[in-house]
């Protein structure tokens, strides 16, 4: 559970250790006043710097949909500690971030949640 505010608290970062080939499902559900996005950065990524160079070098996956829920399935290409970022696109308020590692159940859980 966290809080995002567009102008003064736009992102929260979480470190997620994964092994190569490991799959996870990630979902963020927010208050009606928040449009959250999800970003996964590669192991060793420095602090976010807007621009195409950072995206090209460090972005592993992103879910940038509109609405108060967002989610993605992700398979780690290499061993390492990935940075999962919940980021606000618009608005502000509370959110809940969930990561599931049980692939089959997680895949179904994510599909049901994002209908």
Protein backbone atom coordinates (compact mmCIF):
# COMPACT_ATOMS: atom_id res chain seq x y z
CA UNK A 1 0.00 0.00 0.00
CA UNK A 2 1.35 3.40 -0.92
CA UNK A 3 0.45 6.90 -1.96
CA UNK A 4 1.27 8.69 -5.21
CA UNK A 5 0.91 12.40 -5.90
CA UNK A 6 1.50 13.82 -9.35
CA UNK A 7 3.60 16.81 -8.30
CA UNK A 8 5.45 15.86 -5.12
CA UNK A 9 5.48 12.05 -4.79
CA UNK A 10 5.20 10.72 -8.35
CA UNK A 11 6.76 7.25 -7.91
CA UNK A 12 7.55 4.48 -5.44
CA UNK A 13 10.27 1.89 -6.14
CA UNK A 14 10.42 -1.73 -5.00
CA UNK A 15 13.35 -4.12 -5.42
CA UNK A 16 12.39 -7.56 -6.74
CA UNK A 17 15.05 -10.30 -6.95
CA UNK A 18 14.44 -12.63 -9.91
CA UNK A 19 16.31 -15.45 -11.60
CA UNK A 20 16.60 -15.77 -15.38
CA UNK A 21 13.36 -17.23 -16.73
CA UNK A 22 11.36 -16.51 -13.59
CA UNK A 23 7.89 -15.16 -14.31
CA UNK A 24 5.82 -12.76 -12.25
CA UNK A 25 2.47 -11.02 -12.53
CA UNK A 26 2.28 -7.46 -11.26
CA UNK A 27 -0.85 -5.43 -10.62
CA UNK A 28 -1.56 -2.00 -9.21
CA UNK A 29 -5.04 -0.94 -8.08
CA UNK A 30 -5.58 2.67 -7.06
CA UNK A 31 -8.18 5.08 -5.78
CA UNK A 32 -10.49 6.54 -8.42
CA UNK A 33 -8.43 9.75 -8.22
CA UNK A 34 -5.23 8.06 -9.47
CA UNK A 35 -4.09 6.83 -12.91
CA UNK A 36 -1.09 4.62 -12.02
CA UNK A 37 1.52 3.10 -14.36
CA UNK A 38 3.95 0.24 -13.79
CA UNK A 39 7.59 0.17 -14.90
CA UNK A 40 10.22 -2.55 -14.45
CA UNK A 41 13.87 -1.51 -14.79
CA UNK A 42 16.77 -3.86 -15.45
CA UNK A 43 19.20 -4.85 -12.70
CA UNK A 44 21.71 -2.11 -11.95
CA UNK A 45 19.53 0.69 -13.34
CA UNK A 46 20.41 4.15 -12.01
CA UNK A 47 17.74 6.59 -10.79
CA UNK A 48 15.21 7.38 -13.50
CA UNK A 49 16.13 10.12 -15.96
CA UNK A 50 13.41 11.00 -18.50
CA UNK A 51 14.41 10.46 -22.09
CA UNK A 52 14.96 7.88 -24.81
CA UNK A 53 18.50 6.93 -23.72
CA UNK A 54 17.36 5.77 -20.28
CA UNK A 55 14.40 3.92 -21.79
CA UNK A 56 16.64 2.17 -24.32
CA UNK A 57 19.30 1.20 -21.79
CA UNK A 58 17.35 0.39 -18.62
CA UNK A 59 13.64 -0.26 -19.25
CA UNK A 60 12.73 -3.95 -19.04
CA UNK A 61 8.92 -3.61 -19.26
CA UNK A 62 6.13 -1.09 -18.79
CA UNK A 63 2.37 -0.97 -18.51
CA UNK A 64 1.14 2.55 -19.19
CA UNK A 65 -2.62 2.10 -19.58
CA UNK A 66 -5.29 4.58 -18.59
CA UNK A 67 -7.53 3.98 -15.57
CA UNK A 68 -7.12 3.16 -11.91
CA UNK A 69 -5.73 -0.38 -12.44
CA UNK A 70 -2.76 -1.57 -14.44
CA UNK A 71 -0.91 -4.86 -14.71
CA UNK A 72 1.61 -6.95 -16.60
CA UNK A 73 3.19 -10.35 -16.92
CA UNK A 74 6.99 -10.31 -16.92
CA UNK A 75 9.71 -12.92 -17.51
CA UNK A 76 13.17 -12.01 -16.23
CA UNK A 77 15.75 -12.33 -19.01
CA UNK A 78 18.72 -12.45 -16.58
CA UNK A 79 19.38 -13.00 -12.87
CA UNK A 80 19.32 -9.85 -10.78
CA UNK A 81 17.43 -7.41 -8.64
CA UNK A 82 14.89 -5.57 -10.76
CA UNK A 83 13.32 -2.26 -9.81
CA UNK A 84 9.53 -2.26 -9.94
CA UNK A 85 8.14 1.24 -10.01
CA UNK A 86 4.57 2.34 -9.35
CA UNK A 87 4.28 5.74 -11.02
CA UNK A 88 1.43 8.25 -11.25
CA UNK A 89 0.33 9.42 -14.69
CA UNK A 90 -2.43 11.69 -13.36
CA UNK A 91 -4.00 12.63 -10.05
CA UNK A 92 -3.07 11.40 -6.62
CA UNK A 93 -4.11 9.01 -3.88
CA UNK A 94 -3.59 5.55 -2.44
CA UNK A 95 -2.72 2.36 -4.29
CA UNK A 96 -2.08 -1.32 -3.64
CA UNK A 97 0.73 -3.07 -5.52
CA UNK A 98 0.67 -6.88 -5.77
CA UNK A 99 3.36 -9.20 -7.17
CA UNK A 100 2.58 -12.88 -7.68
CA UNK A 101 5.14 -15.54 -8.55
CA UNK A 102 2.91 -18.61 -9.03
CA UNK A 103 2.77 -18.31 -12.85
CA UNK A 104 -0.40 -20.21 -13.78
CA UNK A 105 -2.50 -18.78 -10.97
CA UNK A 106 -0.95 -15.35 -11.42
CA UNK A 107 -1.74 -15.27 -15.13
CA UNK A 108 -5.40 -16.10 -14.49
CA UNK A 109 -5.57 -13.69 -11.53
CA UNK A 110 -4.27 -10.84 -13.67
CA UNK A 111 -6.64 -11.58 -16.56
CA UNK A 112 -9.63 -11.63 -14.21
CA UNK A 113 -8.59 -8.45 -12.43
CA UNK A 114 -8.09 -6.36 -15.55
CA UNK A 115 -11.34 -7.22 -17.32
